[in-house]
């Protein structure tokens, strides 16, 4: 295998979707899940097309990372201050400010349903990976998950839900974010159908609780209401009342258990009615800053 270049190491997740990986999937009702990559065009063109958005997402989450003190008389040489050496100014060094180890864990749960546009879906994946990188810089445990369903087969007698769930672990707590970026690229090829938010939030919340951290933050990125694609008679302009009621109950239970659950809507004001803590972003590129701000506020307590 030829050595990987620096460009590959810094490439955004979707640019690496043509490389093999093994994303972890959880399905129900006997469903299967494939991580086969979608067909894409030229790799260099893909990198150029999304490189700017990826860099912006990393910068948007960077403020949550450890601060660097510049203009120091000791430390590591700072190339930005070298000009001062000719004036005998000793402040040409930088030092990383010591950071207190934070007893915290953050989980990002991404709605991967088909109602999200392709730019929204890619922006959510990019923002999730960027936040994981920022959290790792703070030595905060981080996980990124995704959820959708397979195609609805129609109502099944005696069952509240007949559609199989797809729950995907894109970046687990115990694996570095950079080692998982291929899984984010492959997630662009998911069979994106519907979204059963309540069961996905309960799953993510249980994984987060098992980390045993004092501060637990669950960020749920969604574009609106839960939907199975079934029971069309219950789907009104208010959404499916049973799915929404279940989601609200799950959020309440997690909050009572000590977790902080924040719903982040992608051009979806409806999240404010589903999550007591909610934020809405209109543009996909605003998602990374919103996630970074939610992490910053949670760590402040």
Foldseek 3Di string as FASTA:
>chain_A
DDDDDPCVLPFFLQLLLQDDDDWDKDKPPPDDWDLHADDDDDSVVVRVVCVVLLVLLLVLLQVLAFDKAAQDLDAAFAPVQVVCVVVVRSRRHMGTDDADQALEAEEEEEEQAPVDDLLLLLLSLSLLLSNLLRCVNNVHFYWYKYKAWADDPEDDPPDPADTMIMIITQGHRPDRSSVRSNSSNSSSVTPHHFFLPLVNLLVRLVSQVVVVGQEYEYEYEEAEDGDRPYDVVQQDPLGRVVSLVSLLVSQVVSVVVRYHYEYEHACYPRVVVRHVHYYYDDDSSCVNNVVSVVVSVSSVD
